[in-house]
Amino acid sequence: MNIETLDSRTITEPEARAIAELLCAVWPKPGRTVDTRTAQLLSEWRDHSGPEEQHPRSFLIRENGRVVAHSGIFPRTIGTQDGEITILALARVCTDPALRGRHLGEAVVRESFKLVDDGTFPWSLFQTKHKVRPFYERFGACLIDNRIVNSQAEDPAASPFWDEIAMRYPGRSGWPEGEIDLRGPGY
C-alpha cells in the first residue's frame, strides 16, 4: 500500500478537501463541514519555523483517488517538570469505516511513529478512547497518568484533551513525571 506524505505548510485545496471529506465521514459534528475543515487544514502551519525535520505533515492512503486513511503529526513543545520537550503530536488518525480491518490505520500510524523511532522526536503524545487503546498498545504505546493542562487557556487547570485517556509512544522509561502543560489547545 502506498502511503503519501503531505507537508502541512504547503497543502493544496484539493488535498485538504480530500482529507476533510474523510474527517467529516468519520467524525460528523454540527458546524464542522467539509468546507470548514478544509479551511482549517489550509490555514494551519503555514508559518512553521521550527526544525525542518519536525515540520507538520499528514500521512495518508488513497484508493481510487479518495483518502481512506489519515494521520496528522505536528511538533508541540510541552512544559514538564524536567523542562521543555518538543514531542510529536499525533492527531486526526482515522480510517474510512467501510474499510476497517485492512490495517490502513496501522500503516499511517506506523509511518507517523517512525519519526520517533528515528530520533526526530523523543516521544509522541496523543489522546484516544479506551476502546482504541489496544490498537496503540500494539505499537508499544502506553497510558500516561500525568495531569495535562493548557496554561494558555481561559481555564488553565482544565484538561485540554477531550478523549478519555492520554497515551505516549514509546512506552520506554524516561517520560517525565508530574504535570504536562500542552501550552495550547488539545489535538
C-alpha atoms as a PDB file:
ATOM      1  CA  MET A   1       0.000   0.000   0.000  1.00  0.00           C
ATOM      2  CA  ASN A   2       1.266   3.442  -0.878  1.00  0.00           C
ATOM      3  CA  ILE A   3       1.480   5.930   1.978  1.00  0.00           C
ATOM      4  CA  GLU A   4       1.626   9.548   0.846  1.00  0.00           C
ATOM      5  CA  THR A   5       3.196  12.306   2.888  1.00  0.00           C
ATOM      6  CA  LEU A   6       1.720  15.800   2.578  1.00  0.00           C
ATOM      7  CA  ASP A   7       3.548  18.796   4.013  1.00  0.00           C
ATOM      8  CA  SER A   8       1.031  20.763   6.091  1.00  0.00           C
ATOM      9  CA  ARG A   9       2.820  24.011   5.243  1.00  0.00           C
ATOM     10  CA  THR A  10       2.110  23.657   1.534  1.00  0.00           C
ATOM     11  CA  ILE A  11      -1.028  21.505   1.351  1.00  0.00           C
ATOM     12  CA  THR A  12      -3.253  22.366  -1.614  1.00  0.00           C
ATOM     13  CA  GLU A  13      -7.006  22.939  -1.550  1.00  0.00           C
ATOM     14  CA  PRO A  14      -7.819  19.616  -3.294  1.00  0.00           C
ATOM     15  CA  GLU A  15      -5.529  17.723  -0.878  1.00  0.00           C
ATOM     16  CA  ALA A  16      -7.065  19.445   2.154  1.00  0.00           C
ATOM     17  CA  ARG A  17     -10.592  18.796   0.856  1.00  0.00           C
ATOM     18  CA  ALA A  18      -9.849  15.083   0.352  1.00  0.00           C
ATOM     19  CA  ILE A  19      -8.685  14.800   3.981  1.00  0.00           C
ATOM     20  CA  ALA A  20     -11.627  16.894   5.215  1.00  0.00           C
ATOM     21  CA  GLU A  21     -14.090  14.570   3.489  1.00  0.00           C
ATOM     22  CA  LEU A  22     -12.685  11.604   5.419  1.00  0.00           C
ATOM     23  CA  LEU A  23     -12.624  13.532   8.708  1.00  0.00           C
ATOM     24  CA  CYS A  24     -16.282  14.516   8.284  1.00  0.00           C
ATOM     25  CA  ALA A  25     -17.278  10.950   7.405  1.00  0.00           C
ATOM     26  CA  VAL A  26     -15.549   9.541  10.493  1.00  0.00           C
ATOM     27  CA  TRP A  27     -16.404  12.349  12.952  1.00  0.00           C
ATOM     28  CA  PRO A  28     -19.591  14.116  11.841  1.00  0.00           C
ATOM     29  CA  LYS A  29     -20.115  17.171  14.032  1.00  0.00           C
ATOM     30  CA  PRO A  30     -22.557  20.059  13.803  1.00  0.00           C
ATOM     31  CA  GLY A  31     -20.853  23.049  12.250  1.00  0.00           C
ATOM     32  CA  ARG A  32     -17.830  21.012  11.134  1.00  0.00           C
ATOM     33  CA  THR A  33     -18.357  20.712   7.414  1.00  0.00           C
ATOM     34  CA  VAL A  34     -16.025  19.691   4.628  1.00  0.00           C
ATOM     35  CA  ASP A  35     -15.629  23.395   3.849  1.00  0.00           C
ATOM     36  CA  THR A  36     -14.771  24.406   7.435  1.00  0.00           C
ATOM     37  CA  ARG A  37     -12.359  21.512   7.884  1.00  0.00           C
ATOM     38  CA  THR A  38     -10.742  22.274   4.522  1.00  0.00           C
ATOM     39  CA  ALA A  39     -10.263  25.901   5.551  1.00  0.00           C
ATOM     40  CA  GLN A  40      -8.741  24.806   8.854  1.00  0.00           C
ATOM     41  CA  LEU A  41      -6.293  22.442   7.141  1.00  0.00           C
ATOM     42  CA  LEU A  42      -5.296  25.183   4.681  1.00  0.00           C
ATOM     43  CA  SER A  43      -4.661  27.756   7.402  1.00  0.00           C
ATOM     44  CA  GLU A  44      -2.712  25.620   9.873  1.00  0.00           C
ATOM     45  CA  TRP A  45       1.070  25.528   9.955  1.00  0.00           C
ATOM     46  CA  ARG A  46       1.781  27.937   7.108  1.00  0.00           C
ATOM     47  CA  ASP A  47       4.225  29.766   9.379  1.00  0.00           C
ATOM     48  CA  HIS A  48       6.010  26.769  10.951  1.00  0.00           C
ATOM     49  CA  SER A  49       9.550  27.876  11.666  1.00  0.00           C
ATOM     50  CA  GLY A  50      10.888  25.015  13.746  1.00  0.00           C
ATOM     51  CA  PRO A  51      13.478  22.455  12.686  1.00  0.00           C
ATOM     52  CA  GLU A  52      12.859  21.278   9.132  1.00  0.00           C
ATOM     53  CA  GLU A  53      12.820  17.599  10.105  1.00  0.00           C
ATOM     54  CA  GLN A  54       9.987  18.319  12.561  1.00  0.00           C
ATOM     55  CA  HIS A  55       7.709  20.009  10.039  1.00  0.00           C
ATOM     56  CA  PRO A  56       3.986  19.200  10.355  1.00  0.00           C
ATOM     57  CA  ARG A  57       2.589  16.707   7.886  1.00  0.00           C
ATOM     58  CA  SER A  58      -0.125  14.226   7.078  1.00  0.00           C
ATOM     59  CA  PHE A  59       0.277  10.589   6.171  1.00  0.00           C
ATOM     60  CA  LEU A  60      -2.492   9.165   4.059  1.00  0.00           C
ATOM     61  CA  ILE A  61      -3.627   6.295   1.913  1.00  0.00           C
ATOM     62  CA  ARG A  62      -5.845   6.772  -1.130  1.00  0.00           C
ATOM     63  CA  GLU A  63      -7.962   4.318  -3.006  1.00  0.00           C
ATOM     64  CA  ASN A  64      -9.453   5.336  -6.336  1.00  0.00           C
ATOM     65  CA  GLY A  65      -8.371   8.921  -5.649  1.00  0.00           C
ATOM     66  CA  ARG A  66     -10.192   9.092  -2.296  1.00  0.00           C
ATOM     67  CA  VAL A  67      -8.401   9.427   1.060  1.00  0.00           C
ATOM     68  CA  VAL A  68      -9.299   6.315   3.080  1.00  0.00           C
ATOM     69  CA  ALA A  69      -6.794   6.551   5.964  1.00  0.00           C
ATOM     70  CA  HIS A  70      -5.092   9.525   7.596  1.00  0.00           C
ATOM     71  CA  SER A  71      -2.824  10.551  10.458  1.00  0.00           C
ATOM     72  CA  GLY A  72      -1.556  14.031  11.143  1.00  0.00           C
ATOM     73  CA  ILE A  73       1.534  14.992  13.099  1.00  0.00           C
ATOM     74  CA  PHE A  74       2.973  18.278  14.254  1.00  0.00           C
ATOM     75  CA  PRO A  75       5.559  19.439  16.751  1.00  0.00           C
ATOM     76  CA  ARG A  76       4.338  20.614  20.137  1.00  0.00           C
ATOM     77  CA  THR A  77       6.698  21.996  22.741  1.00  0.00           C
ATOM     78  CA  ILE A  78       5.286  20.989  26.091  1.00  0.00           C
ATOM     79  CA  GLY A  79       6.271  22.076  29.567  1.00  0.00           C
ATOM     80  CA  THR A  80       7.291  19.431  32.092  1.00  0.00           C
ATOM     81  CA  GLN A  81       8.935  19.440  35.498  1.00  0.00           C
ATOM     82  CA  ASP A  82      12.109  18.398  33.645  1.00  0.00           C
ATOM     83  CA  GLY A  83      11.895  21.371  31.241  1.00  0.00           C
ATOM     84  CA  GLU A  84      10.591  21.808  27.710  1.00  0.00           C
ATOM     85  CA  ILE A  85      10.269  18.858  25.336  1.00  0.00           C
ATOM     86  CA  THR A  86       9.201  19.041  21.702  1.00  0.00           C
ATOM     87  CA  ILE A  87       7.054  15.993  21.103  1.00  0.00           C
ATOM     88  CA  LEU A  88       5.256  14.566  18.098  1.00  0.00           C
ATOM     89  CA  ALA A  89       1.586  15.434  18.479  1.00  0.00           C
ATOM     90  CA  LEU A  90      -0.424  12.674  16.812  1.00  0.00           C
ATOM     91  CA  ALA A  91      -3.891  13.738  15.682  1.00  0.00           C
ATOM     92  CA  ARG A  92      -6.735  13.028  13.275  1.00  0.00           C
ATOM     93  CA  VAL A  93      -5.999   9.320  12.984  1.00  0.00           C
ATOM     94  CA  CYS A  94      -8.860   7.732  11.098  1.00  0.00           C
ATOM     95  CA  THR A  95      -9.854   5.164   8.518  1.00  0.00           C
ATOM     96  CA  ASP A  96     -12.896   5.001   6.297  1.00  0.00           C
ATOM     97  CA  PRO A  97     -15.354   2.935   8.385  1.00  0.00           C
ATOM     98  CA  ALA A  98     -16.212   0.754   5.377  1.00  0.00           C
ATOM     99  CA  LEU A  99     -12.555  -0.258   5.032  1.00  0.00           C
ATOM    100  CA  ARG A 100     -11.673  -1.057   8.642  1.00  0.00           C
ATOM    101  CA  GLY A 101      -9.902  -4.327   9.291  1.00  0.00           C
ATOM    102  CA  ARG A 102      -7.441  -3.871   6.434  1.00  0.00           C
ATOM    103  CA  HIS A 103      -4.716  -2.359   8.666  1.00  0.00           C
ATOM    104  CA  LEU A 104      -4.810   1.007   6.891  1.00  0.00           C
ATOM    105  CA  GLY A 105      -4.856   2.906  10.186  1.00  0.00           C
ATOM    106  CA  GLU A 106      -1.978   0.802  11.416  1.00  0.00           C
ATOM    107  CA  ALA A 107       0.035   1.742   8.337  1.00  0.00           C
ATOM    108  CA  VAL A 108      -0.387   5.522   8.736  1.00  0.00           C
ATOM    109  CA  VAL A 109       0.285   5.400  12.488  1.00  0.00           C
ATOM    110  CA  ARG A 110       3.381   3.278  11.951  1.00  0.00           C
ATOM    111  CA  GLU A 111       4.594   5.863   9.433  1.00  0.00           C
ATOM    112  CA  SER A 112       3.975   8.623  11.997  1.00  0.00           C
ATOM    113  CA  PHE A 113       5.818   6.785  14.758  1.00  0.00           C
ATOM    114  CA  LYS A 114       8.875   6.331  12.509  1.00  0.00           C
ATOM    115  CA  LEU A 115       9.633   9.986  13.352  1.00  0.00           C
ATOM    116  CA  VAL A 116      10.033   8.949  16.980  1.00  0.00           C
ATOM    117  CA  ASP A 117      11.893   5.743  16.150  1.00  0.00           C
ATOM    118  CA  ASP A 118      14.450   7.658  14.065  1.00  0.00           C
ATOM    119  CA  GLY A 119      15.025  10.270  16.807  1.00  0.00           C
ATOM    120  CA  THR A 120      13.307  13.212  15.081  1.00  0.00           C
ATOM    121  CA  PHE A 121      11.090  13.440  18.185  1.00  0.00           C
ATOM    122  CA  PRO A 122      11.772  11.828  21.579  1.00  0.00           C
ATOM    123  CA  TRP A 123       8.107  10.929  22.200  1.00  0.00           C
ATOM    124  CA  SER A 124       4.628  11.090  20.762  1.00  0.00           C
ATOM    125  CA  LEU A 125       1.762  12.274  22.959  1.00  0.00           C
ATOM    126  CA  PHE A 126      -1.874  11.821  21.987  1.00  0.00           C
ATOM    127  CA  GLN A 127      -5.380  11.231  23.299  1.00  0.00           C
ATOM    128  CA  THR A 128      -7.760   8.419  22.488  1.00  0.00           C
ATOM    129  CA  LYS A 129     -10.666   6.381  23.765  1.00  0.00           C
ATOM    130  CA  HIS A 130     -10.443   3.255  25.947  1.00  0.00           C
ATOM    131  CA  LYS A 131     -11.780   1.089  23.126  1.00  0.00           C
ATOM    132  CA  VAL A 132      -8.913   2.236  20.848  1.00  0.00           C
ATOM    133  CA  ARG A 133      -6.212   1.785  23.499  1.00  0.00           C
ATOM    134  CA  PRO A 134      -5.287  -1.787  22.407  1.00  0.00           C
ATOM    135  CA  PHE A 135      -4.662  -0.516  18.862  1.00  0.00           C
ATOM    136  CA  TYR A 136      -1.941   1.837  20.132  1.00  0.00           C
ATOM    137  CA  GLU A 137      -0.570  -0.644  22.668  1.00  0.00           C
ATOM    138  CA  ARG A 138       0.292  -2.974  19.772  1.00  0.00           C
ATOM    139  CA  PHE A 139       2.825  -0.343  18.660  1.00  0.00           C
ATOM    140  CA  GLY A 140       4.353  -0.143  22.137  1.00  0.00           C
ATOM    141  CA  ALA A 141       2.440   2.921  23.339  1.00  0.00           C
ATOM    142  CA  CYS A 142       1.265   3.158  26.931  1.00  0.00           C
ATOM    143  CA  LEU A 143      -1.097   5.155  29.108  1.00  0.00           C
ATOM    144  CA  ILE A 144       0.155   8.180  30.964  1.00  0.00           C
ATOM    145  CA  ASP A 145      -1.269   9.367  34.232  1.00  0.00           C
ATOM    146  CA  ASN A 146       0.207  12.861  34.155  1.00  0.00           C
ATOM    147  CA  ARG A 147      -2.196  15.724  34.738  1.00  0.00           C
ATOM    148  CA  ILE A 148      -2.450  17.583  31.418  1.00  0.00           C
ATOM    149  CA  VAL A 149      -3.185  21.313  31.352  1.00  0.00           C
ATOM    150  CA  ASN A 150      -3.009  24.263  28.971  1.00  0.00           C
ATOM    151  CA  SER A 151      -1.518  27.328  30.664  1.00  0.00           C
ATOM    152  CA  GLN A 152      -2.711  29.463  27.727  1.00  0.00           C
ATOM    153  CA  ALA A 153      -6.400  28.562  28.129  1.00  0.00           C
ATOM    154  CA  GLU A 154      -9.135  30.596  29.766  1.00  0.00           C
ATOM    155  CA  ASP A 155      -9.245  27.855  32.422  1.00  0.00           C
ATOM    156  CA  PRO A 156      -5.614  26.722  32.609  1.00  0.00           C
ATOM    157  CA  ALA A 157      -6.390  23.939  35.092  1.00  0.00           C
ATOM    158  CA  ALA A 158      -8.885  22.195  32.797  1.00  0.00           C
ATOM    159  CA  SER A 159      -7.625  19.341  30.658  1.00  0.00           C
ATOM    160  CA  PRO A 160      -7.318  20.414  27.018  1.00  0.00           C
ATOM    161  CA  PHE A 161      -7.893  16.813  25.895  1.00  0.00           C
ATOM    162  CA  TRP A 162     -11.480  15.690  25.391  1.00  0.00           C
ATOM    163  CA  ASP A 163     -10.964  11.956  24.945  1.00  0.00           C
ATOM    164  CA  GLU A 164     -10.890   9.530  27.856  1.00  0.00           C
ATOM    165  CA  ILE A 165      -7.180   8.762  28.036  1.00  0.00           C
ATOM    166  CA  ALA A 166      -3.779  10.119  27.092  1.00  0.00           C
ATOM    167  CA  MET A 167      -1.030   7.898  25.760  1.00  0.00           C
ATOM    168  CA  ARG A 168       2.578   8.196  24.753  1.00  0.00           C
ATOM    169  CA  TYR A 169       4.830   6.379  22.353  1.00  0.00           C
ATOM    170  CA  PRO A 170       7.133   4.671  23.002  1.00  0.00           C
ATOM    171  CA  GLY A 171       6.444   3.020  26.332  1.00  0.00           C
ATOM    172  CA  ARG A 172      10.098   3.060  27.381  1.00  0.00           C
ATOM    173  CA  SER A 173      11.286   4.707  30.570  1.00  0.00           C
ATOM    174  CA  GLY A 174      12.268   8.362  30.751  1.00  0.00           C
ATOM    175  CA  TRP A 175       8.879  10.018  30.337  1.00  0.00           C
ATOM    176  CA  PRO A 176       8.659  12.983  32.748  1.00  0.00           C
ATOM    177  CA  GLU A 177       6.582  12.720  35.896  1.00  0.00           C
ATOM    178  CA  GLY A 178       4.222  15.412  37.086  1.00  0.00           C
ATOM    179  CA  GLU A 179       2.077  17.903  35.231  1.00  0.00           C
ATOM    180  CA  ILE A 180       2.292  18.302  31.457  1.00  0.00           C
ATOM    181  CA  ASP A 181       1.492  21.764  30.059  1.00  0.00           C
ATOM    182  CA  LEU A 182       0.412  21.444  26.422  1.00  0.00           C
ATOM    183  CA  ARG A 183       0.853  25.205  26.012  1.00  0.00           C
ATOM    184  CA  GLY A 184      -2.001  25.249  23.554  1.00  0.00           C
ATOM    185  CA  PRO A 185      -5.303  23.557  22.780  1.00  0.00           C
ATOM    186  CA  GLY A 186      -5.839  19.831  22.692  1.00  0.00           C
ATOM    187  CA  TYR A 187      -5.446  17.953  19.459  1.00  0.00           C
END
